[in-house]
Amino acid sequence: MFIVAESGSTKVEWRLMDGEELIHHFYTTGLNPYIQKEDEINSIIQMEVVPGLDNYQPEKAYFYGAACSSISNQNKMKNAYNRCK
């Protein structure tokens, strides 16, 4: 089971997948590591993503988003996400 996120600055579309099967789908506030600090990103993940998972526990996460082309912004997203585990 894995989760795929497609993000812009205003909203993120999250899809929980088991192989090619869509298990769960929801939206949250947008995430943009160029604009937001790691703590703010972590807070959104804690307050919106974790509850949105409905107790599913994905083994991997794939995040496609605005401002995620640089290594520093990728690391900011990884760190914020990993703090929720």
C-alpha atoms as a PDB file:
ATOM      1  CA  MET A   1       0.000   0.000   0.000  1.00  0.00           C
ATOM      2  CA  PHE A   2       1.308   3.453  -0.879  1.00  0.00           C
ATOM      3  CA  ILE A   3       0.084   7.024  -1.058  1.00  0.00           C
ATOM      4  CA  VAL A   4       0.425   9.418  -3.983  1.00  0.00           C
ATOM      5  CA  ALA A   5       0.051  13.168  -3.506  1.00  0.00           C
ATOM      6  CA  GLU A   6      -0.275  15.804  -6.207  1.00  0.00           C
ATOM      7  CA  SER A   7       0.162  19.245  -4.700  1.00  0.00           C
ATOM      8  CA  GLY A   8      -0.139  22.867  -5.592  1.00  0.00           C
ATOM      9  CA  SER A   9      -0.027  25.820  -3.263  1.00  0.00           C
ATOM     10  CA  THR A  10      -3.783  25.741  -2.602  1.00  0.00           C
ATOM     11  CA  LYS A  11      -4.661  22.038  -2.284  1.00  0.00           C
ATOM     12  CA  VAL A  12      -3.220  18.528  -2.296  1.00  0.00           C
ATOM     13  CA  GLU A  13      -4.991  15.518  -3.763  1.00  0.00           C
ATOM     14  CA  TRP A  14      -4.078  12.339  -1.862  1.00  0.00           C
ATOM     15  CA  ARG A  15      -4.706   8.832  -3.253  1.00  0.00           C
ATOM     16  CA  LEU A  16      -4.117   5.741  -1.170  1.00  0.00           C
ATOM     17  CA  MET A  17      -3.350   2.835  -3.487  1.00  0.00           C
ATOM     18  CA  ASP A  18      -2.988  -0.915  -3.154  1.00  0.00           C
ATOM     19  CA  GLY A  19      -1.236  -1.828  -6.390  1.00  0.00           C
ATOM     20  CA  GLU A  20      -3.443  -0.285  -9.073  1.00  0.00           C
ATOM     21  CA  GLU A  21      -6.537  -0.226  -6.861  1.00  0.00           C
ATOM     22  CA  LEU A  22      -7.659   3.089  -5.365  1.00  0.00           C
ATOM     23  CA  ILE A  23      -8.420   2.468  -1.674  1.00  0.00           C
ATOM     24  CA  HIS A  24      -9.068   5.993  -0.401  1.00  0.00           C
ATOM     25  CA  HIS A  25      -9.020   9.540  -1.776  1.00  0.00           C
ATOM     26  CA  PHE A  26      -9.067  12.942  -0.043  1.00  0.00           C
ATOM     27  CA  TYR A  27      -7.900  16.574  -0.274  1.00  0.00           C
ATOM     28  CA  THR A  28      -5.965  18.792   2.125  1.00  0.00           C
ATOM     29  CA  THR A  29      -4.552  22.295   2.281  1.00  0.00           C
ATOM     30  CA  GLY A  30      -1.811  22.898  -0.267  1.00  0.00           C
ATOM     31  CA  LEU A  31       1.847  22.268   0.534  1.00  0.00           C
ATOM     32  CA  ASN A  32       4.669  24.274  -0.991  1.00  0.00           C
ATOM     33  CA  PRO A  33       8.138  23.963   0.563  1.00  0.00           C
ATOM     34  CA  TYR A  34       9.309  27.156  -1.144  1.00  0.00           C
ATOM     35  CA  ILE A  35       6.703  29.205   0.717  1.00  0.00           C
ATOM     36  CA  GLN A  36       6.065  27.188   3.885  1.00  0.00           C
ATOM     37  CA  LYS A  37       8.427  26.300   6.711  1.00  0.00           C
ATOM     38  CA  GLU A  38       8.955  22.661   7.667  1.00  0.00           C
ATOM     39  CA  ASP A  39       6.973  23.112  10.905  1.00  0.00           C
ATOM     40  CA  GLU A  40       3.954  24.449   8.990  1.00  0.00           C
ATOM     41  CA  ILE A  41       4.113  21.550   6.526  1.00  0.00           C
ATOM     42  CA  ASN A  42       4.380  19.091   9.402  1.00  0.00           C
ATOM     43  CA  SER A  43       1.386  20.687  11.125  1.00  0.00           C
ATOM     44  CA  ILE A  44      -0.780  20.321   7.996  1.00  0.00           C
ATOM     45  CA  ILE A  45       0.286  16.689   7.650  1.00  0.00           C
ATOM     46  CA  GLN A  46      -0.491  16.001  11.331  1.00  0.00           C
ATOM     47  CA  MET A  47      -3.832  17.838  11.341  1.00  0.00           C
ATOM     48  CA  GLU A  48      -5.174  16.913   7.882  1.00  0.00           C
ATOM     49  CA  VAL A  49      -3.294  14.018   6.282  1.00  0.00           C
ATOM     50  CA  VAL A  50      -3.004  11.652   9.245  1.00  0.00           C
ATOM     51  CA  PRO A  51      -6.758  11.873  10.017  1.00  0.00           C
ATOM     52  CA  GLY A  52      -7.519  11.612   6.290  1.00  0.00           C
ATOM     53  CA  LEU A  53      -5.772   8.245   6.118  1.00  0.00           C
ATOM     54  CA  ASP A  54      -8.576   6.666   8.187  1.00  0.00           C
ATOM     55  CA  ASN A  55      -6.097   4.407  10.032  1.00  0.00           C
ATOM     56  CA  TYR A  56      -4.519   3.098   6.808  1.00  0.00           C
ATOM     57  CA  GLN A  57      -0.736   2.973   7.050  1.00  0.00           C
ATOM     58  CA  PRO A  58       0.948   3.329   3.667  1.00  0.00           C
ATOM     59  CA  GLU A  59       4.416   1.811   3.331  1.00  0.00           C
ATOM     60  CA  LYS A  60       5.618   4.470   0.862  1.00  0.00           C
ATOM     61  CA  ALA A  61       4.702   8.008  -0.111  1.00  0.00           C
ATOM     62  CA  TYR A  62       5.137   9.651  -3.506  1.00  0.00           C
ATOM     63  CA  PHE A  63       4.783  13.415  -3.426  1.00  0.00           C
ATOM     64  CA  TYR A  64       4.575  15.455  -6.621  1.00  0.00           C
ATOM     65  CA  GLY A  65       4.331  19.117  -5.869  1.00  0.00           C
ATOM     66  CA  ALA A  66       5.041  22.733  -6.501  1.00  0.00           C
ATOM     67  CA  ALA A  67       8.619  23.791  -5.666  1.00  0.00           C
ATOM     68  CA  CYS A  68       9.840  20.226  -5.146  1.00  0.00           C
ATOM     69  CA  SER A  69      12.529  20.235  -7.823  1.00  0.00           C
ATOM     70  CA  SER A  70      15.367  21.305  -5.518  1.00  0.00           C
ATOM     71  CA  ILE A  71      17.045  18.879  -3.119  1.00  0.00           C
ATOM     72  CA  SER A  72      16.611  21.274  -0.182  1.00  0.00           C
ATOM     73  CA  ASN A  73      12.836  21.502  -0.720  1.00  0.00           C
ATOM     74  CA  GLN A  74      12.594  17.737  -1.226  1.00  0.00           C
ATOM     75  CA  ASN A  75      14.399  17.249   2.080  1.00  0.00           C
ATOM     76  CA  LYS A  76      12.068  19.723   3.787  1.00  0.00           C
ATOM     77  CA  MET A  77       9.064  17.679   2.619  1.00  0.00           C
ATOM     78  CA  LYS A  78      10.678  14.356   3.629  1.00  0.00           C
ATOM     79  CA  ASN A  79      11.593  15.674   7.070  1.00  0.00           C
ATOM     80  CA  ALA A  80       8.097  17.066   7.686  1.00  0.00           C
ATOM     81  CA  TYR A  81       6.478  13.801   6.571  1.00  0.00           C
ATOM     82  CA  ASN A  82       8.874  11.562   8.521  1.00  0.00           C
ATOM     83  CA  ARG A  83       8.242  13.503  11.738  1.00  0.00           C
ATOM     84  CA  CYS A  84       4.655  12.186  11.602  1.00  0.00           C
ATOM     85  CA  LYS A  85       5.620   8.519  11.790  1.00  0.00           C
END
